[in-house]
Each structure stands twice: as C-alpha cells, then as structure tokens.
C-alpha cells in the first residue's frame, strides 16, 4: 500500500473515506467511471473506454499499485463510490517525470469539498512519494468550477487544445494546466 486511508468531513458534515483502489474494486470502479462518463459533459472519455473485463481492470489496478509513480484513490460514503482521483505517468514513456492527473466526483456529491479532498490527497502523495517533477491535466474551457479548483491548488494554464473535442456537434477547447512539484 502506498497510501494511508483516511476519513474526512464535508462542509455539511457528510463523512467520507478516501482509500487506495484495490484489485477487488475493479468491477465497481469500472461501473462508477462508466456512469460518470455517461452523466458528465466534462469527461473526455467514452463509456466504452471503461468497458474492461474484470481481469483487465484488475491488471490495470495491480500495475498501478506496483508502479512508484501511479496512484488511484476512491472516495466512499457508506461503501458506495462517490469519487475517484488518480495520477499516472504518460503511457508513452516520453515524459517519465510528468504525472497525468484525473478526477471525477459523482454529481450528487459535487461542490461539497470531496474533489478538493481527493485532489489534495493525490497531490500530497505525489510531492512526497512519487518521484514526479510535474503534474499536468486537461480541462474543458467551460468547466469553470474545475478550473477554479485546479488554480486554487497551484495549477497554472499552460496551453490550449483548440477544437479538440466535438460534443453534441459543437467543438470544445481544452485547457492544459500544469504544476511543478520538484
């Protein structure tokens, strides 16, 4: 285990737990991420991107658990997944000290501090344990709440991918944000 789990409270006293993803979470995590993609206009994936078999998902989780510079965390309330955050090195291997950050919080639990909690835990781990020197992410330009969250944590805008996604027939830009942690 790379991460010591903890219990947290939201501003309105909802108790939730953040813990490291385990291989036994594979099916539930896959279902959660499929639901998030289906229900969110701000995730850059298709639901089929999370249509792995249980064995495939378990392999992904184990590979992350074995890697020094990868972490996958869950936020849970009453043993139900309400959020996910992770960081991993780019799969192309051309930037071995750059971690790619991603986060998703169930819409019923957004704006309660759970995203901040997950992000702070991942960033704290990255600074202390990962060997990474920089963290990057991509966010849709109209996802103002996420941009504010990332900026409050120290991310800066580093570039724009113009018309990088077509959603409902309309082009969207993504803002690339980064943070040096070395």
N, C-alpha and C. Protein backbone atom coordinates (compact mmCIF):
# COMPACT_ATOMS: atom_id res chain seq x y z
N UNK A 1 0.85 -1.19 0.00
CA UNK A 1 0.00 0.00 0.00
C UNK A 1 0.89 1.24 0.00
N UNK A 2 0.54 2.17 -0.87
CA UNK A 2 1.28 3.43 -0.97
C UNK A 2 0.61 4.55 -0.20
N UNK A 3 -0.67 4.39 0.06
CA UNK A 3 -1.46 5.48 0.62
C UNK A 3 -2.16 5.00 1.89
N UNK A 4 -2.10 5.81 2.92
CA UNK A 4 -2.79 5.51 4.17
C UNK A 4 -4.19 6.12 4.10
N UNK A 5 -5.23 5.29 4.15
CA UNK A 5 -6.59 5.78 4.02
C UNK A 5 -6.96 6.69 5.19
N UNK A 6 -7.97 7.52 4.95
CA UNK A 6 -8.42 8.44 5.99
C UNK A 6 -9.88 8.76 5.85
N UNK A 7 -10.46 9.26 6.93
CA UNK A 7 -11.86 9.67 6.94
C UNK A 7 -11.92 11.19 7.00
N UNK A 8 -12.84 11.77 6.24
CA UNK A 8 -12.95 13.21 6.09
C UNK A 8 -14.40 13.63 6.26
N UNK A 9 -14.62 14.92 6.52
CA UNK A 9 -15.96 15.50 6.62
C UNK A 9 -16.11 16.61 5.60
N UNK A 10 -17.26 16.65 4.94
CA UNK A 10 -17.55 17.76 4.05
C UNK A 10 -18.01 18.95 4.89
N UNK A 11 -18.19 20.09 4.24
CA UNK A 11 -18.65 21.30 4.93
C UNK A 11 -20.02 21.09 5.59
N UNK A 12 -20.83 20.21 5.00
CA UNK A 12 -22.16 19.95 5.60
C UNK A 12 -22.18 18.63 6.38
N UNK A 13 -20.99 18.25 6.90
CA UNK A 13 -20.84 17.11 7.82
C UNK A 13 -21.12 15.74 7.23
N UNK A 14 -20.97 15.57 5.94
CA UNK A 14 -21.05 14.25 5.33
C UNK A 14 -19.69 13.58 5.53
N UNK A 15 -19.68 12.41 6.12
CA UNK A 15 -18.44 11.69 6.34
C UNK A 15 -18.14 10.82 5.12
N UNK A 16 -16.91 10.88 4.66
CA UNK A 16 -16.48 10.03 3.56
C UNK A 16 -15.06 9.56 3.80
N UNK A 17 -14.72 8.48 3.15
CA UNK A 17 -13.41 7.87 3.32
C UNK A 17 -12.67 7.91 1.99
N UNK A 18 -11.38 8.22 2.04
CA UNK A 18 -10.52 8.13 0.86
C UNK A 18 -9.55 6.99 1.10
N UNK A 19 -9.47 6.10 0.12
CA UNK A 19 -8.57 4.96 0.23
C UNK A 19 -8.01 4.60 -1.13
N UNK A 20 -6.95 3.82 -1.11
CA UNK A 20 -6.34 3.37 -2.35
C UNK A 20 -7.23 2.31 -3.01
N UNK A 21 -7.32 2.37 -4.34
CA UNK A 21 -8.08 1.37 -5.09
C UNK A 21 -7.38 0.02 -4.96
N UNK A 22 -8.17 -1.03 -4.77
CA UNK A 22 -7.68 -2.40 -4.70
C UNK A 22 -8.20 -3.19 -5.91
N UNK A 23 -7.53 -4.27 -6.23
CA UNK A 23 -7.95 -5.10 -7.37
C UNK A 23 -9.39 -5.58 -7.20
N UNK A 24 -9.81 -5.79 -5.97
CA UNK A 24 -11.19 -6.24 -5.73
C UNK A 24 -12.23 -5.16 -6.04
N UNK A 25 -11.78 -3.92 -6.27
CA UNK A 25 -12.68 -2.82 -6.63
C UNK A 25 -12.94 -2.74 -8.13
N UNK A 26 -12.33 -3.61 -8.90
CA UNK A 26 -12.32 -3.47 -10.36
C UNK A 26 -13.71 -3.28 -10.96
N UNK A 27 -14.63 -4.15 -10.66
CA UNK A 27 -15.96 -4.07 -11.27
C UNK A 27 -16.70 -2.80 -10.83
N UNK A 28 -16.64 -2.48 -9.53
CA UNK A 28 -17.33 -1.29 -9.04
C UNK A 28 -16.72 -0.01 -9.61
N UNK A 29 -15.39 0.06 -9.68
CA UNK A 29 -14.74 1.23 -10.25
C UNK A 29 -15.11 1.39 -11.71
N UNK A 30 -15.09 0.30 -12.46
CA UNK A 30 -15.46 0.36 -13.87
C UNK A 30 -16.89 0.89 -14.04
N UNK A 31 -17.81 0.39 -13.22
CA UNK A 31 -19.21 0.85 -13.29
C UNK A 31 -19.32 2.33 -12.93
N UNK A 32 -18.59 2.75 -11.89
CA UNK A 32 -18.62 4.15 -11.49
C UNK A 32 -18.11 5.04 -12.62
N UNK A 33 -16.99 4.68 -13.22
CA UNK A 33 -16.43 5.52 -14.28
C UNK A 33 -17.32 5.53 -15.52
N UNK A 34 -17.94 4.41 -15.85
CA UNK A 34 -18.90 4.40 -16.97
C UNK A 34 -20.06 5.35 -16.69
N UNK A 35 -20.59 5.31 -15.46
CA UNK A 35 -21.68 6.20 -15.09
C UNK A 35 -21.25 7.67 -15.17
N UNK A 36 -20.03 7.96 -14.69
CA UNK A 36 -19.53 9.33 -14.72
C UNK A 36 -19.42 9.84 -16.16
N UNK A 37 -18.91 9.02 -17.04
CA UNK A 37 -18.78 9.43 -18.44
C UNK A 37 -20.15 9.66 -19.06
N UNK A 38 -21.09 8.78 -18.74
CA UNK A 38 -22.44 8.90 -19.28
C UNK A 38 -23.15 10.16 -18.77
N UNK A 39 -22.91 10.51 -17.51
CA UNK A 39 -23.65 11.60 -16.87
C UNK A 39 -22.94 12.95 -16.87
N UNK A 40 -21.70 13.01 -17.32
CA UNK A 40 -20.95 14.26 -17.27
C UNK A 40 -20.62 14.75 -18.67
N UNK A 41 -20.74 16.03 -18.86
CA UNK A 41 -20.35 16.62 -20.13
C UNK A 41 -18.88 17.01 -20.13
N UNK A 42 -18.19 16.80 -19.02
CA UNK A 42 -16.83 17.30 -18.89
C UNK A 42 -15.74 16.23 -18.87
N UNK A 43 -16.09 14.97 -19.03
CA UNK A 43 -15.06 13.94 -19.08
C UNK A 43 -14.77 13.61 -20.53
N UNK A 44 -13.50 13.44 -20.83
CA UNK A 44 -13.07 13.30 -22.22
C UNK A 44 -13.00 11.85 -22.67
N UNK A 45 -13.83 11.02 -22.11
CA UNK A 45 -13.84 9.61 -22.45
C UNK A 45 -15.20 9.22 -22.97
N UNK A 46 -15.25 8.05 -23.58
CA UNK A 46 -16.50 7.41 -23.95
C UNK A 46 -16.75 6.31 -22.93
N UNK A 47 -18.01 5.94 -22.72
CA UNK A 47 -18.32 4.89 -21.75
C UNK A 47 -17.59 3.60 -22.09
N UNK A 48 -17.39 3.31 -23.38
CA UNK A 48 -16.69 2.09 -23.78
C UNK A 48 -15.22 2.09 -23.36
N UNK A 49 -14.64 3.27 -23.06
CA UNK A 49 -13.26 3.32 -22.60
C UNK A 49 -13.11 2.60 -21.26
N UNK A 50 -14.20 2.41 -20.54
CA UNK A 50 -14.17 1.74 -19.25
C UNK A 50 -14.98 0.45 -19.29
N UNK A 51 -14.92 -0.20 -20.42
CA UNK A 51 -15.65 -1.44 -20.61
C UNK A 51 -14.68 -2.63 -20.58
N UNK A 52 -13.75 -2.59 -19.63
CA UNK A 52 -12.78 -3.66 -19.50
C UNK A 52 -13.43 -4.86 -18.83
N UNK A 53 -12.87 -6.01 -19.08
CA UNK A 53 -13.28 -7.17 -18.29
C UNK A 53 -12.75 -6.98 -16.87
N UNK A 54 -13.26 -7.76 -15.95
CA UNK A 54 -12.79 -7.67 -14.57
C UNK A 54 -11.29 -7.96 -14.51
N UNK A 55 -10.84 -8.96 -15.27
CA UNK A 55 -9.41 -9.31 -15.28
C UNK A 55 -8.57 -8.16 -15.81
N UNK A 56 -9.04 -7.50 -16.88
CA UNK A 56 -8.29 -6.37 -17.45
C UNK A 56 -8.20 -5.22 -16.45
N UNK A 57 -9.32 -4.92 -15.80
CA UNK A 57 -9.33 -3.82 -14.83
C UNK A 57 -8.46 -4.16 -13.62
N UNK A 58 -8.52 -5.40 -13.17
CA UNK A 58 -7.67 -5.81 -12.05
C UNK A 58 -6.20 -5.67 -12.43
N UNK A 59 -5.86 -6.00 -13.66
CA UNK A 59 -4.47 -5.87 -14.13
C UNK A 59 -4.03 -4.40 -14.11
N UNK A 60 -4.89 -3.50 -14.56
CA UNK A 60 -4.58 -2.06 -14.56
C UNK A 60 -4.34 -1.59 -13.13
N UNK A 61 -5.20 -2.01 -12.22
CA UNK A 61 -5.08 -1.61 -10.82
C UNK A 61 -3.79 -2.16 -10.21
N UNK A 62 -3.48 -3.43 -10.48
CA UNK A 62 -2.25 -4.03 -9.94
C UNK A 62 -1.01 -3.35 -10.50
N UNK A 63 -1.02 -3.03 -11.81
CA UNK A 63 0.13 -2.35 -12.41
C UNK A 63 0.35 -1.00 -11.75
N UNK A 64 -0.73 -0.29 -11.48
CA UNK A 64 -0.60 1.00 -10.80
C UNK A 64 -0.07 0.79 -9.38
N UNK A 65 -0.59 -0.19 -8.68
CA UNK A 65 -0.13 -0.46 -7.31
C UNK A 65 1.35 -0.80 -7.27
N UNK A 66 1.85 -1.44 -8.31
CA UNK A 66 3.26 -1.84 -8.36
C UNK A 66 4.18 -0.72 -8.84
N UNK A 67 3.62 0.31 -9.46
CA UNK A 67 4.44 1.40 -10.01
C UNK A 67 4.68 2.46 -8.94
N UNK A 68 5.89 2.99 -8.92
CA UNK A 68 6.23 4.02 -7.93
C UNK A 68 5.49 5.33 -8.20
N UNK A 69 5.18 5.61 -9.46
CA UNK A 69 4.65 6.91 -9.84
C UNK A 69 3.21 6.84 -10.34
N UNK A 70 2.41 5.99 -9.70
CA UNK A 70 1.00 5.85 -10.05
C UNK A 70 0.21 5.66 -8.76
N UNK A 71 -0.93 6.34 -8.67
CA UNK A 71 -1.80 6.19 -7.51
C UNK A 71 -3.24 6.34 -7.96
N UNK A 72 -4.10 5.45 -7.48
CA UNK A 72 -5.54 5.51 -7.75
C UNK A 72 -6.26 5.52 -6.41
N UNK A 73 -7.09 6.55 -6.18
CA UNK A 73 -7.83 6.68 -4.93
C UNK A 73 -9.33 6.69 -5.17
N UNK A 74 -10.07 6.19 -4.21
CA UNK A 74 -11.54 6.24 -4.20
C UNK A 74 -12.00 7.07 -3.03
N UNK A 75 -13.09 7.80 -3.22
CA UNK A 75 -13.83 8.39 -2.11
C UNK A 75 -15.10 7.57 -1.97
N UNK A 76 -15.40 7.18 -0.74
CA UNK A 76 -16.57 6.35 -0.47
C UNK A 76 -17.43 6.96 0.63
N UNK A 77 -18.73 6.76 0.49
CA UNK A 77 -19.68 7.09 1.54
C UNK A 77 -20.60 5.89 1.67
N UNK A 78 -20.69 5.34 2.86
CA UNK A 78 -21.49 4.13 3.08
C UNK A 78 -21.14 3.02 2.09
N UNK A 79 -19.86 2.82 1.86
CA UNK A 79 -19.31 1.80 0.98
C UNK A 79 -19.74 1.95 -0.48
N UNK A 80 -20.18 3.14 -0.85
CA UNK A 80 -20.53 3.44 -2.24
C UNK A 80 -19.48 4.41 -2.78
N UNK A 81 -18.98 4.14 -3.98
CA UNK A 81 -18.00 5.03 -4.58
C UNK A 81 -18.68 6.34 -4.96
N UNK A 82 -18.12 7.45 -4.46
CA UNK A 82 -18.67 8.77 -4.78
C UNK A 82 -17.65 9.64 -5.50
N UNK A 83 -16.41 9.15 -5.59
CA UNK A 83 -15.38 9.91 -6.28
C UNK A 83 -14.16 9.08 -6.56
N UNK A 84 -13.39 9.54 -7.51
CA UNK A 84 -12.16 8.86 -7.92
C UNK A 84 -11.14 9.94 -8.29
N UNK A 85 -9.89 9.69 -7.98
CA UNK A 85 -8.80 10.55 -8.46
C UNK A 85 -7.58 9.67 -8.66
N UNK A 86 -6.80 10.02 -9.65
CA UNK A 86 -5.60 9.25 -9.90
C UNK A 86 -4.54 10.06 -10.60
N UNK A 87 -3.34 9.53 -10.54
CA UNK A 87 -2.22 10.14 -11.23
C UNK A 87 -1.35 9.00 -11.75
N UNK A 88 -0.87 9.16 -12.97
CA UNK A 88 -0.01 8.16 -13.56
C UNK A 88 0.93 8.84 -14.55
N UNK A 89 2.02 8.16 -14.84
CA UNK A 89 2.95 8.66 -15.85
C UNK A 89 2.35 8.38 -17.22
N UNK A 90 2.57 9.29 -18.15
CA UNK A 90 2.10 9.11 -19.51
C UNK A 90 2.51 7.73 -20.03
N UNK A 91 1.58 7.05 -20.66
CA UNK A 91 1.85 5.69 -21.14
C UNK A 91 2.85 5.66 -22.29
N UNK A 92 3.11 6.79 -22.92
CA UNK A 92 4.09 6.82 -23.99
C UNK A 92 5.52 6.76 -23.45
N UNK A 93 5.73 7.07 -22.19
CA UNK A 93 7.05 6.98 -21.59
C UNK A 93 8.01 8.07 -22.01
N UNK A 94 7.53 9.07 -22.76
CA UNK A 94 8.45 10.12 -23.22
C UNK A 94 8.64 11.21 -22.17
N UNK A 95 7.81 11.21 -21.16
CA UNK A 95 7.92 12.19 -20.07
C UNK A 95 7.88 11.43 -18.74
N UNK A 96 8.97 10.73 -18.38
CA UNK A 96 8.91 9.84 -17.22
C UNK A 96 8.75 10.53 -15.88
N UNK A 97 8.88 11.85 -15.81
CA UNK A 97 8.73 12.56 -14.54
C UNK A 97 7.49 13.44 -14.53
N UNK A 98 6.61 13.23 -15.50
CA UNK A 98 5.38 14.01 -15.59
C UNK A 98 4.19 13.10 -15.33
N UNK A 99 3.42 13.43 -14.30
CA UNK A 99 2.22 12.67 -13.98
C UNK A 99 1.00 13.32 -14.58
N UNK A 100 0.09 12.49 -15.08
CA UNK A 100 -1.18 12.96 -15.64
C UNK A 100 -2.25 12.73 -14.58
N UNK A 101 -2.93 13.81 -14.19
CA UNK A 101 -3.91 13.78 -13.10
C UNK A 101 -5.32 13.73 -13.66
N UNK A 102 -6.18 12.95 -13.04
CA UNK A 102 -7.59 12.90 -13.40
C UNK A 102 -8.46 12.75 -12.17
N UNK A 103 -9.67 13.27 -12.25
CA UNK A 103 -10.57 13.24 -11.10
C UNK A 103 -12.02 13.21 -11.58
N UNK A 104 -12.87 12.54 -10.82
CA UNK A 104 -14.31 12.51 -11.11
C UNK A 104 -15.05 12.37 -9.78
N UNK A 105 -16.07 13.19 -9.59
CA UNK A 105 -16.91 13.12 -8.39
C UNK A 105 -18.36 13.01 -8.84
N UNK A 106 -19.07 12.07 -8.25
CA UNK A 106 -20.50 11.87 -8.57
C UNK A 106 -21.23 13.20 -8.43
N UNK A 107 -22.12 13.49 -9.37
CA UNK A 107 -22.75 14.82 -9.39
C UNK A 107 -23.54 15.14 -8.13
N UNK A 108 -24.08 14.14 -7.46
CA UNK A 108 -24.81 14.39 -6.21
C UNK A 108 -23.88 14.81 -5.07
N UNK A 109 -22.58 14.60 -5.24
CA UNK A 109 -21.62 14.90 -4.18
C UNK A 109 -20.66 16.04 -4.55
N UNK A 110 -20.92 16.68 -5.68
CA UNK A 110 -20.07 17.79 -6.09
C UNK A 110 -20.36 19.03 -5.26
N UNK A 111 -19.40 19.94 -5.24
CA UNK A 111 -19.49 21.22 -4.52
C UNK A 111 -19.61 21.04 -3.01
N UNK A 112 -19.02 19.94 -2.51
CA UNK A 112 -19.02 19.69 -1.07
C UNK A 112 -17.61 19.52 -0.52
N UNK A 113 -16.61 19.68 -1.37
CA UNK A 113 -15.22 19.56 -0.92
C UNK A 113 -14.61 18.19 -1.16
N UNK A 114 -15.35 17.26 -1.71
CA UNK A 114 -14.82 15.92 -1.95
C UNK A 114 -13.77 15.94 -3.04
N UNK A 115 -14.01 16.71 -4.11
CA UNK A 115 -13.00 16.85 -5.16
C UNK A 115 -11.72 17.46 -4.63
N UNK A 116 -11.87 18.50 -3.81
CA UNK A 116 -10.68 19.11 -3.18
C UNK A 116 -9.95 18.10 -2.30
N UNK A 117 -10.71 17.33 -1.53
CA UNK A 117 -10.11 16.33 -0.67
C UNK A 117 -9.32 15.29 -1.46
N UNK A 118 -9.94 14.77 -2.50
CA UNK A 118 -9.25 13.78 -3.34
C UNK A 118 -8.00 14.40 -3.98
N UNK A 119 -8.15 15.59 -4.54
CA UNK A 119 -7.03 16.23 -5.21
C UNK A 119 -5.89 16.49 -4.23
N UNK A 120 -6.20 17.00 -3.05
CA UNK A 120 -5.15 17.28 -2.06
C UNK A 120 -4.42 16.01 -1.64
N UNK A 121 -5.14 14.91 -1.50
CA UNK A 121 -4.50 13.65 -1.13
C UNK A 121 -3.57 13.15 -2.24
N UNK A 122 -4.02 13.21 -3.48
CA UNK A 122 -3.17 12.77 -4.60
C UNK A 122 -1.95 13.68 -4.72
N UNK A 123 -2.15 14.99 -4.65
CA UNK A 123 -1.02 15.91 -4.79
C UNK A 123 -0.04 15.77 -3.63
N UNK A 124 -0.54 15.58 -2.43
CA UNK A 124 0.34 15.36 -1.28
C UNK A 124 1.19 14.12 -1.47
N UNK A 125 0.56 13.04 -1.91
CA UNK A 125 1.30 11.81 -2.18
C UNK A 125 2.34 12.03 -3.28
N UNK A 126 1.95 12.73 -4.34
CA UNK A 126 2.87 12.96 -5.47
C UNK A 126 4.10 13.73 -5.01
N UNK A 127 3.92 14.74 -4.19
CA UNK A 127 5.05 15.54 -3.70
C UNK A 127 5.98 14.72 -2.81
N UNK A 128 5.41 13.84 -2.01
CA UNK A 128 6.19 13.10 -1.00
C UNK A 128 6.81 11.82 -1.53
N UNK A 129 6.11 11.10 -2.41
CA UNK A 129 6.47 9.71 -2.66
C UNK A 129 6.68 9.30 -4.11
N UNK A 130 6.29 10.09 -5.06
CA UNK A 130 6.18 9.58 -6.43
C UNK A 130 7.43 9.69 -7.28
N UNK A 131 8.32 10.61 -6.96
CA UNK A 131 9.46 10.86 -7.84
C UNK A 131 9.10 11.73 -9.04
N UNK A 132 7.85 12.16 -9.12
CA UNK A 132 7.44 13.03 -10.22
C UNK A 132 7.95 14.46 -9.99
N UNK A 133 8.12 15.18 -11.08
CA UNK A 133 8.56 16.56 -11.01
C UNK A 133 7.49 17.55 -11.47
N UNK A 134 6.52 17.05 -12.20
CA UNK A 134 5.47 17.91 -12.75
C UNK A 134 4.18 17.10 -12.86
N UNK A 135 3.06 17.78 -12.68
CA UNK A 135 1.75 17.17 -12.86
C UNK A 135 0.99 18.00 -13.88
N UNK A 136 0.34 17.32 -14.82
CA UNK A 136 -0.46 18.01 -15.83
C UNK A 136 -1.87 17.45 -15.85
N UNK A 137 -2.78 18.23 -16.42
CA UNK A 137 -4.16 17.79 -16.62
C UNK A 137 -4.76 18.56 -17.78
N UNK A 138 -5.87 18.08 -18.27
CA UNK A 138 -6.63 18.77 -19.32
C UNK A 138 -8.04 18.98 -18.79
N UNK A 139 -8.59 20.17 -19.06
CA UNK A 139 -9.92 20.51 -18.58
C UNK A 139 -10.64 21.29 -19.67
N UNK A 140 -11.91 21.01 -19.87
CA UNK A 140 -12.68 21.77 -20.86
C UNK A 140 -12.80 23.22 -20.41
N UNK A 141 -12.68 24.13 -21.38
CA UNK A 141 -12.63 25.56 -21.08
C UNK A 141 -13.88 26.07 -20.37
N UNK A 142 -15.02 25.42 -20.56
CA UNK A 142 -16.24 25.91 -19.92
C UNK A 142 -16.52 25.22 -18.57
N UNK A 143 -15.60 24.42 -18.10
CA UNK A 143 -15.73 23.78 -16.79
C UNK A 143 -15.09 24.71 -15.75
N UNK A 144 -15.73 25.83 -15.53
CA UNK A 144 -15.20 26.92 -14.71
C UNK A 144 -14.92 26.46 -13.27
N UNK A 145 -15.83 25.68 -12.69
CA UNK A 145 -15.62 25.23 -11.31
C UNK A 145 -14.35 24.39 -11.18
N UNK A 146 -14.12 23.51 -12.14
CA UNK A 146 -12.91 22.67 -12.09
C UNK A 146 -11.66 23.53 -12.26
N UNK A 147 -11.71 24.48 -13.18
CA UNK A 147 -10.55 25.36 -13.39
C UNK A 147 -10.22 26.12 -12.11
N UNK A 148 -11.24 26.65 -11.44
CA UNK A 148 -11.00 27.35 -10.17
C UNK A 148 -10.40 26.41 -9.12
N UNK A 149 -10.90 25.19 -9.06
CA UNK A 149 -10.37 24.21 -8.12
C UNK A 149 -8.89 23.95 -8.41
N UNK A 150 -8.56 23.72 -9.67
CA UNK A 150 -7.17 23.43 -10.04
C UNK A 150 -6.26 24.63 -9.76
N UNK A 151 -6.73 25.81 -10.08
CA UNK A 151 -5.93 27.01 -9.81
C UNK A 151 -5.70 27.20 -8.31
N UNK A 152 -6.73 26.90 -7.51
CA UNK A 152 -6.58 27.05 -6.06
C UNK A 152 -5.52 26.09 -5.50
N UNK A 153 -5.28 24.99 -6.20
CA UNK A 153 -4.28 24.02 -5.76
C UNK A 153 -2.89 24.35 -6.28
N UNK A 154 -2.81 25.34 -7.19
CA UNK A 154 -1.50 25.74 -7.71
C UNK A 154 -1.25 25.41 -9.16
N UNK A 155 -2.23 24.82 -9.85
CA UNK A 155 -2.06 24.57 -11.28
C UNK A 155 -2.14 25.89 -12.04
N UNK A 156 -1.37 25.99 -13.11
CA UNK A 156 -1.39 27.16 -13.99
C UNK A 156 -1.76 26.73 -15.40
N UNK A 157 -2.42 27.62 -16.12
CA UNK A 157 -2.75 27.35 -17.51
C UNK A 157 -1.46 27.39 -18.32
N UNK A 158 -1.24 26.34 -19.12
CA UNK A 158 -0.01 26.25 -19.92
C UNK A 158 -0.28 26.20 -21.41
N UNK A 159 -1.51 25.96 -21.80
CA UNK A 159 -1.80 25.91 -23.24
C UNK A 159 -3.25 25.58 -23.49
N UNK A 160 -3.61 25.61 -24.78
CA UNK A 160 -4.98 25.34 -25.20
C UNK A 160 -4.94 24.37 -26.38
N UNK A 161 -5.79 23.37 -26.33
CA UNK A 161 -6.02 22.49 -27.47
C UNK A 161 -7.33 22.94 -28.10
N UNK A 162 -7.22 23.65 -29.19
CA UNK A 162 -8.41 24.20 -29.82
C UNK A 162 -9.20 23.12 -30.55
N UNK A 163 -10.51 23.18 -30.40
CA UNK A 163 -11.42 22.27 -31.07
C UNK A 163 -10.97 20.82 -30.93
N UNK A 164 -10.56 20.46 -29.74
CA UNK A 164 -10.02 19.12 -29.52
C UNK A 164 -11.10 18.06 -29.34
N UNK A 165 -12.32 18.46 -29.02
CA UNK A 165 -13.42 17.53 -28.88
C UNK A 165 -14.67 18.10 -29.53
N UNK A 166 -15.44 17.23 -30.15
CA UNK A 166 -16.75 17.61 -30.69
C UNK A 166 -17.78 16.89 -29.81
N UNK A 167 -18.58 17.68 -29.11
CA UNK A 167 -19.61 17.13 -28.23
C UNK A 167 -20.93 17.71 -28.67
N UNK A 168 -21.87 16.83 -28.97
CA UNK A 168 -23.19 17.25 -29.47
C UNK A 168 -23.05 18.19 -30.66
N UNK A 169 -22.10 17.88 -31.53
CA UNK A 169 -21.92 18.66 -32.74
C UNK A 169 -21.21 19.99 -32.56
N UNK A 170 -20.79 20.30 -31.34
CA UNK A 170 -20.14 21.58 -31.06
C UNK A 170 -18.69 21.37 -30.65
N UNK A 171 -17.75 22.11 -31.25
CA UNK A 171 -16.34 21.94 -30.87
C UNK A 171 -16.07 22.54 -29.49
N UNK A 172 -15.19 21.88 -28.75
CA UNK A 172 -14.78 22.33 -27.42
C UNK A 172 -13.27 22.42 -27.37
N UNK A 173 -12.80 23.40 -26.64
CA UNK A 173 -11.37 23.54 -26.39
C UNK A 173 -11.05 22.97 -25.02
N UNK A 174 -9.81 22.49 -24.91
CA UNK A 174 -9.33 22.03 -23.62
C UNK A 174 -8.16 22.93 -23.21
N UNK A 175 -8.14 23.22 -21.93
CA UNK A 175 -7.03 23.97 -21.36
C UNK A 175 -6.09 22.95 -20.72
N UNK A 176 -4.83 23.06 -21.05
CA UNK A 176 -3.80 22.23 -20.42
C UNK A 176 -3.26 23.01 -19.23
N UNK A 177 -3.26 22.39 -18.08
CA UNK A 177 -2.77 23.02 -16.87
C UNK A 177 -1.64 22.19 -16.30
N UNK A 178 -0.71 22.83 -15.63
CA UNK A 178 0.41 22.12 -15.06
C UNK A 178 0.85 22.70 -13.73
N UNK A 179 1.60 21.89 -12.99
CA UNK A 179 2.13 22.30 -11.69
C UNK A 179 3.48 21.61 -11.51
N UNK A 180 4.50 22.41 -11.20
CA UNK A 180 5.80 21.86 -10.86
C UNK A 180 5.77 21.44 -9.39
N UNK A 181 6.27 20.24 -9.11
CA UNK A 181 6.26 19.77 -7.71
C UNK A 181 7.65 19.40 -7.22
N UNK A 182 8.67 19.64 -8.04
CA UNK A 182 10.02 19.25 -7.63
C UNK A 182 10.66 20.28 -6.72
